[in-house]
Amino acid sequence: MRVLGVDPGLTRCGVGVVEGVAGRPLTMRGVGVVRTPADAELGDRLVAIERGIEQWLDEHRPDCVAVERVFAQHNVRTVMGTAQASAVAMLCAARRGLPVALHTPSEVKAAVSGSGRADKAQVGAMVTRLLRLDAPPKPADAADALALAICHIWRAPALNRLQQAHAAAARTPRLPRTAAVPVRKVPR
C-alpha cells in the first residue's frame, strides 16, 4: 500500500509518501512541504496548495490519501486555514477516485510513538526510526505527514475489517417483530 500523508496548513502543508504493509518494514518514497506566502490572497494560496498536492499525486501515484483531521483550536484563524488546506487535499484525492482517511493528531501520535500526547520531537524521532532515515525530516510538518501515512498503513487493516462488518450487518435482513403470544400451561 502506498499512502500520501498530508499535514494540512496554509503556509506549510506537509506531504509525505510511505509504502508498505502493517507488520513489515515501511519505506519512505518522498517527503516535502508545499509552501505558500503568508501575504498572498487566500484563493491564490489554496490554488498553490492544490497544484502542489496534484504534483505529489502525479509523481507518486498513491493508493490512498491520509489527512490530519481538523480539530478545534483556540485560534479560529489557524483552524480555518488548516480546514481549508485539508479540504483541498481531500478534493484532489476525490477527483482521482482515491480513498481519503482522516486521522486525529492523537491517533497519529499514538500509532507512531505509543502515546497520544507525544510532542513533535518524539514523533519526528519515531518517524526517523520507523523509516530508517538518517535524520528527522524538516520541518516538523514533513515529519507529521509521514507519521500520518504510517498511521494509516498500520490502522487500515483494522478499519477495513470494521467497515466490512458494518456493511455485512447492513445487508443482513432483519426478522420482522411479532407480537408476543401468551403461553398456556397444559394440565397433566
C-alpha atoms as a PDB file:
ATOM      1  CA  MET A   1       0.000   0.000   0.000  1.00  0.00           C
ATOM      2  CA  ARG A   2       1.316   3.440  -0.919  1.00  0.00           C
ATOM      3  CA  VAL A   3      -0.102   6.323   1.139  1.00  0.00           C
ATOM      4  CA  LEU A   4       0.237  10.066   0.696  1.00  0.00           C
ATOM      5  CA  GLY A   5       0.088  11.677   4.126  1.00  0.00           C
ATOM      6  CA  VAL A   6      -0.975  15.336   4.273  1.00  0.00           C
ATOM      7  CA  ASP A   7      -0.414  17.578   7.287  1.00  0.00           C
ATOM      8  CA  PRO A   8      -2.619  20.489   6.180  1.00  0.00           C
ATOM      9  CA  GLY A   9      -1.644  24.113   6.619  1.00  0.00           C
ATOM     10  CA  LEU A  10      -1.851  27.295   4.582  1.00  0.00           C
ATOM     11  CA  THR A  11       1.765  28.393   4.993  1.00  0.00           C
ATOM     12  CA  ARG A  12       3.352  24.932   5.180  1.00  0.00           C
ATOM     13  CA  CYS A  13       1.395  21.883   4.042  1.00  0.00           C
ATOM     14  CA  GLY A  14       3.447  18.795   4.867  1.00  0.00           C
ATOM     15  CA  VAL A  15       3.368  15.908   2.386  1.00  0.00           C
ATOM     16  CA  GLY A  16       4.957  12.504   2.642  1.00  0.00           C
ATOM     17  CA  VAL A  17       4.638   9.184   0.850  1.00  0.00           C
ATOM     18  CA  VAL A  18       5.162   5.882   2.639  1.00  0.00           C
ATOM     19  CA  GLU A  19       4.869   2.419   1.148  1.00  0.00           C
ATOM     20  CA  GLY A  20       4.404  -0.899   2.930  1.00  0.00           C
ATOM     21  CA  VAL A  21       2.021  -3.100   4.861  1.00  0.00           C
ATOM     22  CA  ALA A  22       1.278  -3.484   8.537  1.00  0.00           C
ATOM     23  CA  GLY A  23       3.764  -5.717  10.313  1.00  0.00           C
ATOM     24  CA  ARG A  24       6.553  -5.225   7.762  1.00  0.00           C
ATOM     25  CA  PRO A  25       9.264  -2.578   7.405  1.00  0.00           C
ATOM     26  CA  LEU A  26       7.996   0.590   5.740  1.00  0.00           C
ATOM     27  CA  THR A  27       9.722   2.653   3.046  1.00  0.00           C
ATOM     28  CA  MET A  28       9.634   6.410   2.578  1.00  0.00           C
ATOM     29  CA  ARG A  29       9.104   7.298  -1.093  1.00  0.00           C
ATOM     30  CA  GLY A  30       9.136  11.069  -0.707  1.00  0.00           C
ATOM     31  CA  VAL A  31       8.724  13.907   1.774  1.00  0.00           C
ATOM     32  CA  GLY A  32       8.361  17.648   1.465  1.00  0.00           C
ATOM     33  CA  VAL A  33       6.328  20.753   2.103  1.00  0.00           C
ATOM     34  CA  VAL A  34       4.021  22.743  -0.159  1.00  0.00           C
ATOM     35  CA  ARG A  35       4.619  26.374   0.826  1.00  0.00           C
ATOM     36  CA  THR A  36       2.540  29.492   0.213  1.00  0.00           C
ATOM     37  CA  PRO A  37       3.391  33.105   1.067  1.00  0.00           C
ATOM     38  CA  ALA A  38       1.539  34.384   4.131  1.00  0.00           C
ATOM     39  CA  ASP A  39       0.821  37.707   2.424  1.00  0.00           C
ATOM     40  CA  ALA A  40      -0.809  36.165  -0.690  1.00  0.00           C
ATOM     41  CA  GLU A  41      -4.564  36.185  -1.233  1.00  0.00           C
ATOM     42  CA  LEU A  42      -6.382  33.184   0.263  1.00  0.00           C
ATOM     43  CA  GLY A  43      -7.656  31.936  -3.104  1.00  0.00           C
ATOM     44  CA  ASP A  44      -4.147  32.059  -4.581  1.00  0.00           C
ATOM     45  CA  ARG A  45      -2.780  30.146  -1.596  1.00  0.00           C
ATOM     46  CA  LEU A  46      -5.405  27.412  -1.969  1.00  0.00           C
ATOM     47  CA  VAL A  47      -4.658  27.096  -5.693  1.00  0.00           C
ATOM     48  CA  ALA A  48      -0.930  26.790  -4.894  1.00  0.00           C
ATOM     49  CA  ILE A  49      -1.677  24.022  -2.368  1.00  0.00           C
ATOM     50  CA  GLU A  50      -3.859  22.252  -4.925  1.00  0.00           C
ATOM     51  CA  ARG A  51      -1.120  22.404  -7.557  1.00  0.00           C
ATOM     52  CA  GLY A  52       1.446  21.119  -5.089  1.00  0.00           C
ATOM     53  CA  ILE A  53      -0.691  18.185  -3.975  1.00  0.00           C
ATOM     54  CA  GLU A  54      -1.582  17.368  -7.590  1.00  0.00           C
ATOM     55  CA  GLN A  55       2.153  17.193  -8.387  1.00  0.00           C
ATOM     56  CA  TRP A  56       2.686  14.772  -5.495  1.00  0.00           C
ATOM     57  CA  LEU A  57      -0.244  12.643  -6.653  1.00  0.00           C
ATOM     58  CA  ASP A  58       1.078  12.604 -10.235  1.00  0.00           C
ATOM     59  CA  GLU A  59       4.620  11.726  -9.195  1.00  0.00           C
ATOM     60  CA  HIS A  60       3.927   9.106  -6.504  1.00  0.00           C
ATOM     61  CA  ARG A  61       0.582   7.547  -7.541  1.00  0.00           C
ATOM     62  CA  PRO A  62      -0.608   6.653  -4.018  1.00  0.00           C
ATOM     63  CA  ASP A  63      -3.354   4.111  -3.314  1.00  0.00           C
ATOM     64  CA  CYS A  64      -4.972   6.427  -0.787  1.00  0.00           C
ATOM     65  CA  VAL A  65      -4.528   9.750   0.991  1.00  0.00           C
ATOM     66  CA  ALA A  66      -4.368  10.191   4.774  1.00  0.00           C
ATOM     67  CA  VAL A  67      -5.162  13.686   6.039  1.00  0.00           C
ATOM     68  CA  GLU A  68      -4.964  15.050   9.558  1.00  0.00           C
ATOM     69  CA  ARG A  69      -8.479  15.541  10.910  1.00  0.00           C
ATOM     70  CA  VAL A  70      -9.047  19.178  11.784  1.00  0.00           C
ATOM     71  CA  PHE A  71      -9.837  19.719  15.427  1.00  0.00           C
ATOM     72  CA  ALA A  72     -10.987  22.774  17.359  1.00  0.00           C
ATOM     73  CA  GLN A  73      -8.251  25.108  18.470  1.00  0.00           C
ATOM     74  CA  HIS A  74      -8.329  28.351  20.385  1.00  0.00           C
ATOM     75  CA  ASN A  75      -7.074  30.248  17.336  1.00  0.00           C
ATOM     76  CA  VAL A  76     -10.006  30.304  14.896  1.00  0.00           C
ATOM     77  CA  ARG A  77      -7.869  31.757  12.107  1.00  0.00           C
ATOM     78  CA  THR A  78      -5.428  28.841  12.351  1.00  0.00           C
ATOM     79  CA  VAL A  79      -8.156  26.202  12.394  1.00  0.00           C
ATOM     80  CA  MET A  80      -9.869  27.797   9.382  1.00  0.00           C
ATOM     81  CA  GLY A  81      -6.649  27.751   7.342  1.00  0.00           C
ATOM     82  CA  THR A  82      -5.985  24.156   8.348  1.00  0.00           C
ATOM     83  CA  ALA A  83      -9.544  23.149   7.416  1.00  0.00           C
ATOM     84  CA  GLN A  84      -9.281  24.877   4.036  1.00  0.00           C
ATOM     85  CA  ALA A  85      -5.965  23.180   3.204  1.00  0.00           C
ATOM     86  CA  SER A  86      -7.420  19.865   4.388  1.00  0.00           C
ATOM     87  CA  ALA A  87     -10.410  20.289   2.080  1.00  0.00           C
ATOM     88  CA  VAL A  88      -8.094  20.944  -0.876  1.00  0.00           C
ATOM     89  CA  ALA A  89      -6.218  17.685  -0.170  1.00  0.00           C
ATOM     90  CA  MET A  90      -9.486  15.737   0.080  1.00  0.00           C
ATOM     91  CA  LEU A  91     -10.769  17.318  -3.134  1.00  0.00           C
ATOM     92  CA  CYS A  92      -7.597  16.396  -5.046  1.00  0.00           C
ATOM     93  CA  ALA A  93      -7.884  12.779  -3.866  1.00  0.00           C
ATOM     94  CA  ALA A  94     -11.626  12.559  -4.567  1.00  0.00           C
ATOM     95  CA  ARG A  95     -11.137  13.945  -8.071  1.00  0.00           C
ATOM     96  CA  ARG A  96      -8.907  10.920  -8.772  1.00  0.00           C
ATOM     97  CA  GLY A  97     -11.191   8.437  -7.036  1.00  0.00           C
ATOM     98  CA  LEU A  98      -8.673   7.832  -4.240  1.00  0.00           C
ATOM     99  CA  PRO A  99      -9.955   6.893  -0.788  1.00  0.00           C
ATOM    100  CA  VAL A 100      -9.338   9.501   1.898  1.00  0.00           C
ATOM    101  CA  ALA A 101      -8.771   8.644   5.554  1.00  0.00           C
ATOM    102  CA  LEU A 102      -8.862  11.212   8.327  1.00  0.00           C
ATOM    103  CA  HIS A 103      -6.814  10.649  11.472  1.00  0.00           C
ATOM    104  CA  THR A 104      -6.732  12.844  14.560  1.00  0.00           C
ATOM    105  CA  PRO A 105      -3.393  14.137  15.843  1.00  0.00           C
ATOM    106  CA  SER A 106      -3.655  11.938  18.940  1.00  0.00           C
ATOM    107  CA  GLU A 107      -4.344   8.815  16.810  1.00  0.00           C
ATOM    108  CA  VAL A 108      -1.252   9.553  14.739  1.00  0.00           C
ATOM    109  CA  LYS A 109       0.932  10.209  17.780  1.00  0.00           C
ATOM    110  CA  ALA A 110      -0.282   7.038  19.479  1.00  0.00           C
ATOM    111  CA  ALA A 111       0.298   4.971  16.338  1.00  0.00           C
ATOM    112  CA  VAL A 112       3.909   6.040  15.825  1.00  0.00           C
ATOM    113  CA  SER A 113       5.069   6.677  19.389  1.00  0.00           C
ATOM    114  CA  GLY A 114       2.730   4.721  21.652  1.00  0.00           C
ATOM    115  CA  SER A 115       1.435   7.896  23.310  1.00  0.00           C
ATOM    116  CA  GLY A 116      -1.316  10.185  22.062  1.00  0.00           C
ATOM    117  CA  ARG A 117       0.389  13.019  23.945  1.00  0.00           C
ATOM    118  CA  ALA A 118       3.794  12.734  22.261  1.00  0.00           C
ATOM    119  CA  ASP A 119       5.448  16.003  21.293  1.00  0.00           C
ATOM    120  CA  LYS A 120       6.752  16.925  17.841  1.00  0.00           C
ATOM    121  CA  ALA A 121      10.302  15.843  18.692  1.00  0.00           C
ATOM    122  CA  GLN A 122       9.128  12.376  19.774  1.00  0.00           C
ATOM    123  CA  VAL A 123       7.038  11.954  16.626  1.00  0.00           C
ATOM    124  CA  GLY A 124       9.979  13.070  14.468  1.00  0.00           C
ATOM    125  CA  ALA A 125      12.330  10.669  16.242  1.00  0.00           C
ATOM    126  CA  MET A 126       9.959   7.732  15.805  1.00  0.00           C
ATOM    127  CA  VAL A 127       9.335   8.530  12.126  1.00  0.00           C
ATOM    128  CA  THR A 128      13.119   8.599  11.650  1.00  0.00           C
ATOM    129  CA  ARG A 129      13.479   5.244  13.356  1.00  0.00           C
ATOM    130  CA  LEU A 130      10.495   3.539  11.704  1.00  0.00           C
ATOM    131  CA  LEU A 131      11.551   4.613   8.207  1.00  0.00           C
ATOM    132  CA  ARG A 132      15.262   4.029   8.899  1.00  0.00           C
ATOM    133  CA  LEU A 133      16.211   7.614   7.999  1.00  0.00           C
ATOM    134  CA  ASP A 134      19.495   9.320   8.823  1.00  0.00           C
ATOM    135  CA  ALA A 135      17.796  12.351  10.398  1.00  0.00           C
ATOM    136  CA  PRO A 136      14.275  13.563  11.215  1.00  0.00           C
ATOM    137  CA  PRO A 137      12.563  15.219   8.245  1.00  0.00           C
ATOM    138  CA  LYS A 138      12.462  19.009   8.467  1.00  0.00           C
ATOM    139  CA  PRO A 139      10.315  20.962   9.039  1.00  0.00           C
ATOM    140  CA  ALA A 140       8.082  19.170  11.527  1.00  0.00           C
ATOM    141  CA  ASP A 141       5.168  19.407   9.067  1.00  0.00           C
ATOM    142  CA  ALA A 142       7.015  16.995   6.766  1.00  0.00           C
ATOM    143  CA  ALA A 143       7.611  14.517   9.606  1.00  0.00           C
ATOM    144  CA  ASP A 144       3.947  14.816  10.600  1.00  0.00           C
ATOM    145  CA  ALA A 145       2.872  13.967   7.032  1.00  0.00           C
ATOM    146  CA  LEU A 146       4.998  10.807   7.125  1.00  0.00           C
ATOM    147  CA  ALA A 147       3.529   9.951  10.541  1.00  0.00           C
ATOM    148  CA  LEU A 148       0.023  10.253   9.045  1.00  0.00           C
ATOM    149  CA  ALA A 149       0.929   7.841   6.251  1.00  0.00           C
ATOM    150  CA  ILE A 150       2.473   5.367   8.733  1.00  0.00           C
ATOM    151  CA  CYS A 151      -0.589   5.611  10.975  1.00  0.00           C
ATOM    152  CA  HIS A 152      -2.880   4.848   8.074  1.00  0.00           C
ATOM    153  CA  ILE A 153      -0.875   1.860   6.867  1.00  0.00           C
ATOM    154  CA  TRP A 154      -0.947   0.390  10.361  1.00  0.00           C
ATOM    155  CA  ARG A 155      -4.613   1.177  11.048  1.00  0.00           C
ATOM    156  CA  ALA A 156      -6.048   0.403   7.587  1.00  0.00           C
ATOM    157  CA  PRO A 157      -6.419  -3.389   8.057  1.00  0.00           C
ATOM    158  CA  ALA A 158      -8.467  -2.930  11.243  1.00  0.00           C
ATOM    159  CA  LEU A 159     -10.512  -0.103   9.724  1.00  0.00           C
ATOM    160  CA  ASN A 160     -11.241  -2.231   6.631  1.00  0.00           C
ATOM    161  CA  ARG A 161     -12.437  -5.147   8.773  1.00  0.00           C
ATOM    162  CA  LEU A 162     -14.659  -2.807  10.764  1.00  0.00           C
ATOM    163  CA  GLN A 163     -16.159  -1.314   7.574  1.00  0.00           C
ATOM    164  CA  GLN A 164     -16.764  -4.805   6.168  1.00  0.00           C
ATOM    165  CA  ALA A 165     -18.520  -5.865   9.370  1.00  0.00           C
ATOM    166  CA  HIS A 166     -20.766  -2.791   9.245  1.00  0.00           C
ATOM    167  CA  ALA A 167     -21.548  -3.434   5.577  1.00  0.00           C
ATOM    168  CA  ALA A 168     -22.365  -7.091   6.280  1.00  0.00           C
ATOM    169  CA  ALA A 169     -24.637  -6.109   9.169  1.00  0.00           C
ATOM    170  CA  ALA A 170     -26.452  -3.651   6.927  1.00  0.00           C
ATOM    171  CA  ARG A 171     -27.041  -6.373   4.319  1.00  0.00           C
ATOM    172  CA  THR A 172     -28.344  -8.942   6.816  1.00  0.00           C
ATOM    173  CA  PRO A 173     -32.144  -8.995   6.681  1.00  0.00           C
ATOM    174  CA  ARG A 174     -33.833  -8.422   9.957  1.00  0.00           C
ATOM    175  CA  LEU A 175     -36.697 -10.592  11.072  1.00  0.00           C
ATOM    176  CA  PRO A 176     -39.967  -8.749  11.496  1.00  0.00           C
ATOM    177  CA  ARG A 177     -41.039  -8.191  15.033  1.00  0.00           C
ATOM    178  CA  THR A 178     -44.057 -10.226  16.034  1.00  0.00           C
ATOM    179  CA  ALA A 179     -46.474  -9.736  18.828  1.00  0.00           C
ATOM    180  CA  ALA A 180     -45.828 -11.830  21.907  1.00  0.00           C
ATOM    181  CA  VAL A 181     -48.090 -14.863  22.121  1.00  0.00           C
ATOM    182  CA  PRO A 182     -49.178 -15.845  25.625  1.00  0.00           C
ATOM    183  CA  VAL A 183     -48.071 -19.297  26.687  1.00  0.00           C
ATOM    184  CA  ARG A 184     -50.720 -21.587  28.213  1.00  0.00           C
ATOM    185  CA  LYS A 185     -49.862 -24.217  30.704  1.00  0.00           C
ATOM    186  CA  VAL A 186     -51.250 -27.588  29.833  1.00  0.00           C
ATOM    187  CA  PRO A 187     -52.540 -29.571  32.838  1.00  0.00           C
ATOM    188  CA  ARG A 188     -51.040 -33.034  33.325  1.00  0.00           C
END
